[in-house]
Amino acid sequence: MWCVIDVFGRVDIIFYEERNFQGRSYECDTDCPDMDPHFSRCNSIKVESGCWVLYERPNYSGFQYVLTRGEYPEYQRWMGYNDTIRSCRTFSYVSNIGGSYRVRIYDRPDFQGQMMEYSDDCESIHQSFQCRSVHSCNVMEGYWTFYENPSYQGRQYFLPPGEYRKFSDWGAVCATIGSFRRITDF
């Protein structure tokens, strides 16, 4: 898991108002807490380099979308619910020895209750953990994306290494998590 940054140190993402990279566009190479002045809607995106978390509301709040290098010709391709993107931030991976991934999930707040540790993607928490509620977690190594539904569908939550004592710590409004996966495409 390595973040590729070009020789000039730029990390670029291009937002387009229309589908298929048409209409007015805005190129960004840094965190932006308020994108309202730059475009009114976002229907397609090209991630030229870097790794990004997009937010539905200003100041890094609302629904989150984790995007890596690639082309997204319509908002459904990044699992968007609508054409609203109001803030974004880039992130780079801080290397760990061997590129390991480890996350512990708990069915109660404050790291209580049933616990399961993972080092790989999980397409269905209900099948592997016998539980749909994840109330807390400890991301020990690597970066992860949690999804509201199984098969990597639904609302997304970006989780860098750290302790999350309750689901609201990672931006969720409820404890329902259906799947998660490692972010490996840096």
C-alpha atoms as a PDB file:
ATOM      1  CA  MET A   1       0.000   0.000   0.000  1.00  0.00           C
ATOM      2  CA  TRP A   2       1.925   3.013  -1.257  1.00  0.00           C
ATOM      3  CA  CYS A   3       0.690   6.408  -2.310  1.00  0.00           C
ATOM      4  CA  VAL A   4       2.129   7.378  -5.672  1.00  0.00           C
ATOM      5  CA  ILE A   5       2.939  11.059  -5.905  1.00  0.00           C
ATOM      6  CA  ASP A   6       4.402  12.516  -9.094  1.00  0.00           C
ATOM      7  CA  VAL A   7       7.910  14.004  -9.223  1.00  0.00           C
ATOM      8  CA  PHE A   8       6.564  17.469  -8.421  1.00  0.00           C
ATOM      9  CA  GLY A   9       4.787  16.229  -5.292  1.00  0.00           C
ATOM     10  CA  ARG A  10       1.305  16.931  -6.679  1.00  0.00           C
ATOM     11  CA  VAL A  11      -1.698  14.797  -5.991  1.00  0.00           C
ATOM     12  CA  ASP A  12      -4.431  15.506  -8.521  1.00  0.00           C
ATOM     13  CA  ILE A  13      -8.134  14.906  -8.841  1.00  0.00           C
ATOM     14  CA  ILE A  14     -10.405  16.466 -11.470  1.00  0.00           C
ATOM     15  CA  PHE A  15     -14.104  17.019 -10.814  1.00  0.00           C
ATOM     16  CA  TYR A  16     -16.579  17.428 -13.701  1.00  0.00           C
ATOM     17  CA  GLU A  17     -20.095  18.808 -13.474  1.00  0.00           C
ATOM     18  CA  GLU A  18     -21.449  16.462 -16.153  1.00  0.00           C
ATOM     19  CA  ARG A  19     -21.205  12.722 -16.716  1.00  0.00           C
ATOM     20  CA  ASN A  20     -18.431  11.254 -18.864  1.00  0.00           C
ATOM     21  CA  PHE A  21     -15.965  14.040 -18.002  1.00  0.00           C
ATOM     22  CA  GLN A  22     -17.969  16.772 -19.681  1.00  0.00           C
ATOM     23  CA  GLY A  23     -18.913  20.298 -18.665  1.00  0.00           C
ATOM     24  CA  ARG A  24     -17.165  22.614 -16.276  1.00  0.00           C
ATOM     25  CA  SER A  25     -14.252  21.045 -14.407  1.00  0.00           C
ATOM     26  CA  TYR A  26     -12.136  21.775 -11.369  1.00  0.00           C
ATOM     27  CA  GLU A  27      -8.664  20.360 -10.724  1.00  0.00           C
ATOM     28  CA  CYS A  28      -7.572  19.980  -7.126  1.00  0.00           C
ATOM     29  CA  ASP A  29      -4.189  19.064  -5.657  1.00  0.00           C
ATOM     30  CA  THR A  30      -4.800  19.647  -1.961  1.00  0.00           C
ATOM     31  CA  ASP A  31      -7.460  19.333   0.735  1.00  0.00           C
ATOM     32  CA  CYS A  32     -10.479  21.548   0.104  1.00  0.00           C
ATOM     33  CA  PRO A  33     -12.982  22.122   2.955  1.00  0.00           C
ATOM     34  CA  ASP A  34     -15.530  23.971   0.761  1.00  0.00           C
ATOM     35  CA  MET A  35     -15.924  23.215  -2.933  1.00  0.00           C
ATOM     36  CA  ASP A  36     -19.080  25.305  -3.479  1.00  0.00           C
ATOM     37  CA  PRO A  37     -17.178  28.133  -5.225  1.00  0.00           C
ATOM     38  CA  HIS A  38     -15.691  25.719  -7.773  1.00  0.00           C
ATOM     39  CA  PHE A  39     -18.697  23.765  -9.103  1.00  0.00           C
ATOM     40  CA  SER A  40     -22.413  23.302  -8.451  1.00  0.00           C
ATOM     41  CA  ARG A  41     -22.602  19.524  -8.912  1.00  0.00           C
ATOM     42  CA  CYS A  42     -20.270  16.609  -9.584  1.00  0.00           C
ATOM     43  CA  ASN A  43     -21.197  13.833 -11.978  1.00  0.00           C
ATOM     44  CA  SER A  44     -17.781  12.424 -12.938  1.00  0.00           C
ATOM     45  CA  ILE A  45     -14.244  12.362 -11.570  1.00  0.00           C
ATOM     46  CA  LYS A  46     -10.749  11.467 -12.731  1.00  0.00           C
ATOM     47  CA  VAL A  47      -8.241  10.622 -10.028  1.00  0.00           C
ATOM     48  CA  GLU A  48      -4.913  11.249 -11.739  1.00  0.00           C
ATOM     49  CA  SER A  49      -2.831  10.412  -8.688  1.00  0.00           C
ATOM     50  CA  GLY A  50      -3.155   9.916  -4.988  1.00  0.00           C
ATOM     51  CA  CYS A  51      -5.884   8.673  -2.724  1.00  0.00           C
ATOM     52  CA  TRP A  52      -8.883  10.805  -1.795  1.00  0.00           C
ATOM     53  CA  VAL A  53     -11.833  10.916   0.568  1.00  0.00           C
ATOM     54  CA  LEU A  54     -14.758  12.932  -0.802  1.00  0.00           C
ATOM     55  CA  TYR A  55     -17.517  14.282   1.416  1.00  0.00           C
ATOM     56  CA  GLU A  56     -21.117  15.185   0.699  1.00  0.00           C
ATOM     57  CA  ARG A  57     -20.989  18.307   2.875  1.00  0.00           C
ATOM     58  CA  PRO A  58     -18.467  21.083   3.520  1.00  0.00           C
ATOM     59  CA  ASN A  59     -15.817  20.742   6.225  1.00  0.00           C
ATOM     60  CA  TYR A  60     -15.349  17.009   5.696  1.00  0.00           C
ATOM     61  CA  SER A  61     -18.761  15.852   6.874  1.00  0.00           C
ATOM     62  CA  GLY A  62     -21.634  13.834   5.490  1.00  0.00           C
ATOM     63  CA  PHE A  63     -21.393  10.711   3.367  1.00  0.00           C
ATOM     64  CA  GLN A  64     -17.830   9.675   2.520  1.00  0.00           C
ATOM     65  CA  TYR A  65     -16.452   8.199  -0.685  1.00  0.00           C
ATOM     66  CA  VAL A  66     -12.962   6.695  -0.877  1.00  0.00           C
ATOM     67  CA  LEU A  67     -11.419   6.993  -4.349  1.00  0.00           C
ATOM     68  CA  THR A  68      -8.096   5.774  -5.693  1.00  0.00           C
ATOM     69  CA  ARG A  69      -6.457   6.321  -9.086  1.00  0.00           C
ATOM     70  CA  GLY A  70      -8.909   5.792 -11.920  1.00  0.00           C
ATOM     71  CA  GLU A  71     -11.814   7.213 -13.890  1.00  0.00           C
ATOM     72  CA  TYR A  72     -15.353   7.486 -12.550  1.00  0.00           C
ATOM     73  CA  PRO A  73     -17.636   8.534 -15.466  1.00  0.00           C
ATOM     74  CA  GLU A  74     -20.757   8.868 -13.294  1.00  0.00           C
ATOM     75  CA  TYR A  75     -21.374   9.218  -9.567  1.00  0.00           C
ATOM     76  CA  GLN A  76     -22.787   5.698  -9.261  1.00  0.00           C
ATOM     77  CA  ARG A  77     -19.280   4.380 -10.073  1.00  0.00           C
ATOM     78  CA  TRP A  78     -17.995   5.694  -6.744  1.00  0.00           C
ATOM     79  CA  MET A  79     -21.253   4.530  -5.112  1.00  0.00           C
ATOM     80  CA  GLY A  80     -22.497   8.092  -4.773  1.00  0.00           C
ATOM     81  CA  TYR A  81     -26.078   8.687  -3.735  1.00  0.00           C
ATOM     82  CA  ASN A  82     -26.295  11.916  -5.709  1.00  0.00           C
ATOM     83  CA  ASP A  83     -24.158  14.469  -7.551  1.00  0.00           C
ATOM     84  CA  THR A  84     -23.163  16.363  -4.401  1.00  0.00           C
ATOM     85  CA  ILE A  85     -19.495  16.649  -3.402  1.00  0.00           C
ATOM     86  CA  ARG A  86     -18.723  19.611  -1.121  1.00  0.00           C
ATOM     87  CA  SER A  87     -15.281  18.853   0.360  1.00  0.00           C
ATOM     88  CA  CYS A  88     -12.335  16.545  -0.229  1.00  0.00           C
ATOM     89  CA  ARG A  89      -9.048  15.577   1.327  1.00  0.00           C
ATOM     90  CA  THR A  90      -6.114  13.553   0.165  1.00  0.00           C
ATOM     91  CA  PHE A  91      -4.288  11.000   2.216  1.00  0.00           C
ATOM     92  CA  SER A  92      -1.057   9.141   1.803  1.00  0.00           C
ATOM     93  CA  TYR A  93      -0.117   5.870   3.320  1.00  0.00           C
ATOM     94  CA  VAL A  94       2.413   5.837   6.126  1.00  0.00           C
ATOM     95  CA  SER A  95       4.420   2.704   5.476  1.00  0.00           C
ATOM     96  CA  ASN A  96       4.475  -0.117   7.949  1.00  0.00           C
ATOM     97  CA  ILE A  97       6.876  -3.030   7.844  1.00  0.00           C
ATOM     98  CA  GLY A  98       5.665  -5.613   5.361  1.00  0.00           C
ATOM     99  CA  GLY A  99       2.534  -3.676   4.390  1.00  0.00           C
ATOM    100  CA  SER A 100       0.463  -5.487   7.009  1.00  0.00           C
ATOM    101  CA  TYR A 101      -3.222  -4.930   7.674  1.00  0.00           C
ATOM    102  CA  ARG A 102      -4.948  -5.575  10.986  1.00  0.00           C
ATOM    103  CA  VAL A 103      -8.291  -4.443  12.321  1.00  0.00           C
ATOM    104  CA  ARG A 104     -10.258  -5.585  15.356  1.00  0.00           C
ATOM    105  CA  ILE A 105     -14.013  -5.096  15.413  1.00  0.00           C
ATOM    106  CA  TYR A 106     -16.258  -5.272  18.476  1.00  0.00           C
ATOM    107  CA  ASP A 107     -20.004  -5.664  18.852  1.00  0.00           C
ATOM    108  CA  ARG A 108     -20.106  -3.188  21.781  1.00  0.00           C
ATOM    109  CA  PRO A 109     -18.766   0.342  22.354  1.00  0.00           C
ATOM    110  CA  ASP A 110     -15.376   0.909  24.019  1.00  0.00           C
ATOM    111  CA  PHE A 111     -13.869  -2.347  22.715  1.00  0.00           C
ATOM    112  CA  GLN A 112     -16.278  -4.510  24.714  1.00  0.00           C
ATOM    113  CA  GLY A 113     -18.214  -7.629  23.826  1.00  0.00           C
ATOM    114  CA  GLN A 114     -17.440 -10.069  21.067  1.00  0.00           C
ATOM    115  CA  MET A 115     -14.213  -9.298  19.162  1.00  0.00           C
ATOM    116  CA  MET A 116     -12.862 -10.512  15.844  1.00  0.00           C
ATOM    117  CA  GLU A 117      -9.503  -9.635  14.271  1.00  0.00           C
ATOM    118  CA  TYR A 118      -9.050  -9.440  10.495  1.00  0.00           C
ATOM    119  CA  SER A 119      -6.064  -9.011   8.227  1.00  0.00           C
ATOM    120  CA  ASP A 120      -7.943  -9.324   4.939  1.00  0.00           C
ATOM    121  CA  ASP A 121     -11.104  -8.045   3.263  1.00  0.00           C
ATOM    122  CA  CYS A 122     -14.482  -9.190   4.591  1.00  0.00           C
ATOM    123  CA  GLU A 123     -17.359  -9.351   2.099  1.00  0.00           C
ATOM    124  CA  SER A 124     -19.972 -10.187   4.748  1.00  0.00           C
ATOM    125  CA  ILE A 125     -19.496  -9.387   8.425  1.00  0.00           C
ATOM    126  CA  HIS A 126     -22.723 -11.218   9.237  1.00  0.00           C
ATOM    127  CA  GLN A 127     -21.338 -14.468   7.820  1.00  0.00           C
ATOM    128  CA  SER A 128     -17.863 -14.239   9.353  1.00  0.00           C
ATOM    129  CA  PHE A 129     -18.588 -12.415  12.627  1.00  0.00           C
ATOM    130  CA  GLN A 130     -22.190 -13.592  13.151  1.00  0.00           C
ATOM    131  CA  CYS A 131     -23.100  -9.994  13.878  1.00  0.00           C
ATOM    132  CA  ARG A 132     -24.218  -6.963  11.836  1.00  0.00           C
ATOM    133  CA  SER A 133     -23.458  -4.351  14.456  1.00  0.00           C
ATOM    134  CA  VAL A 134     -19.948  -2.995  14.823  1.00  0.00           C
ATOM    135  CA  HIS A 135     -19.913  -0.537  17.709  1.00  0.00           C
ATOM    136  CA  SER A 136     -16.153  -0.012  18.017  1.00  0.00           C
ATOM    137  CA  CYS A 137     -12.939  -0.987  16.281  1.00  0.00           C
ATOM    138  CA  ASN A 138      -9.192  -0.686  16.499  1.00  0.00           C
ATOM    139  CA  VAL A 139      -7.369  -0.209  13.198  1.00  0.00           C
ATOM    140  CA  MET A 140      -3.903  -1.382  14.128  1.00  0.00           C
ATOM    141  CA  GLU A 141      -2.294  -1.486  10.677  1.00  0.00           C
ATOM    142  CA  GLY A 142      -3.272  -0.279   7.229  1.00  0.00           C
ATOM    143  CA  TYR A 143      -6.121   1.831   5.910  1.00  0.00           C
ATOM    144  CA  TRP A 144      -9.620   0.408   5.568  1.00  0.00           C
ATOM    145  CA  THR A 145     -13.002   1.255   4.060  1.00  0.00           C
ATOM    146  CA  PHE A 146     -16.087   0.117   5.965  1.00  0.00           C
ATOM    147  CA  TYR A 147     -19.344  -0.311   4.019  1.00  0.00           C
ATOM    148  CA  GLU A 148     -22.883  -0.202   5.357  1.00  0.00           C
ATOM    149  CA  ASN A 149     -23.946  -3.313   3.401  1.00  0.00           C
ATOM    150  CA  PRO A 150     -22.392  -6.664   2.427  1.00  0.00           C
ATOM    151  CA  SER A 151     -20.454  -6.987  -0.843  1.00  0.00           C
ATOM    152  CA  TYR A 152     -18.871  -3.529  -0.428  1.00  0.00           C
ATOM    153  CA  GLN A 153     -22.088  -1.624  -1.030  1.00  0.00           C
ATOM    154  CA  GLY A 154     -23.788   1.311   0.646  1.00  0.00           C
ATOM    155  CA  ARG A 155     -22.360   4.161   2.673  1.00  0.00           C
ATOM    156  CA  GLN A 156     -18.587   4.191   3.010  1.00  0.00           C
ATOM    157  CA  TYR A 157     -16.377   5.102   5.949  1.00  0.00           C
ATOM    158  CA  PHE A 158     -12.650   5.767   5.717  1.00  0.00           C
ATOM    159  CA  LEU A 159     -10.658   4.413   8.666  1.00  0.00           C
ATOM    160  CA  PRO A 160      -6.942   5.170   9.007  1.00  0.00           C
ATOM    161  CA  PRO A 161      -5.010   3.576  11.882  1.00  0.00           C
ATOM    162  CA  GLY A 162      -6.465   4.492  15.251  1.00  0.00           C
ATOM    163  CA  GLU A 163      -8.975   3.639  17.940  1.00  0.00           C
ATOM    164  CA  TYR A 164     -12.678   4.163  17.304  1.00  0.00           C
ATOM    165  CA  ARG A 165     -14.543   3.746  20.600  1.00  0.00           C
ATOM    166  CA  LYS A 166     -17.980   4.228  19.035  1.00  0.00           C
ATOM    167  CA  PHE A 167     -19.342   4.123  15.485  1.00  0.00           C
ATOM    168  CA  SER A 168     -19.795   7.893  15.360  1.00  0.00           C
ATOM    169  CA  ASP A 169     -15.994   8.215  15.688  1.00  0.00           C
ATOM    170  CA  TRP A 170     -15.691   7.026  12.068  1.00  0.00           C
ATOM    171  CA  GLY A 171     -18.657   9.149  10.921  1.00  0.00           C
ATOM    172  CA  ALA A 172     -21.443   6.561  11.012  1.00  0.00           C
ATOM    173  CA  VAL A 173     -24.943   7.340  12.278  1.00  0.00           C
ATOM    174  CA  CYS A 174     -25.631   3.718  13.238  1.00  0.00           C
ATOM    175  CA  ALA A 175     -23.596   0.601  14.019  1.00  0.00           C
ATOM    176  CA  THR A 176     -24.638  -1.315  10.898  1.00  0.00           C
ATOM    177  CA  ILE A 177     -21.567  -2.430   8.957  1.00  0.00           C
ATOM    178  CA  GLY A 178     -21.966  -5.129   6.319  1.00  0.00           C
ATOM    179  CA  SER A 179     -18.459  -5.428   4.879  1.00  0.00           C
ATOM    180  CA  PHE A 180     -15.026  -3.850   4.815  1.00  0.00           C
ATOM    181  CA  ARG A 181     -11.858  -3.974   2.797  1.00  0.00           C
ATOM    182  CA  ARG A 182      -8.264  -2.869   2.841  1.00  0.00           C
ATOM    183  CA  ILE A 183      -7.222   0.129   0.796  1.00  0.00           C
ATOM    184  CA  THR A 184      -4.395  -1.288  -1.264  1.00  0.00           C
ATOM    185  CA  ASP A 185      -4.409   0.805  -4.442  1.00  0.00           C
ATOM    186  CA  PHE A 186      -2.090   3.647  -3.563  1.00  0.00           C
END
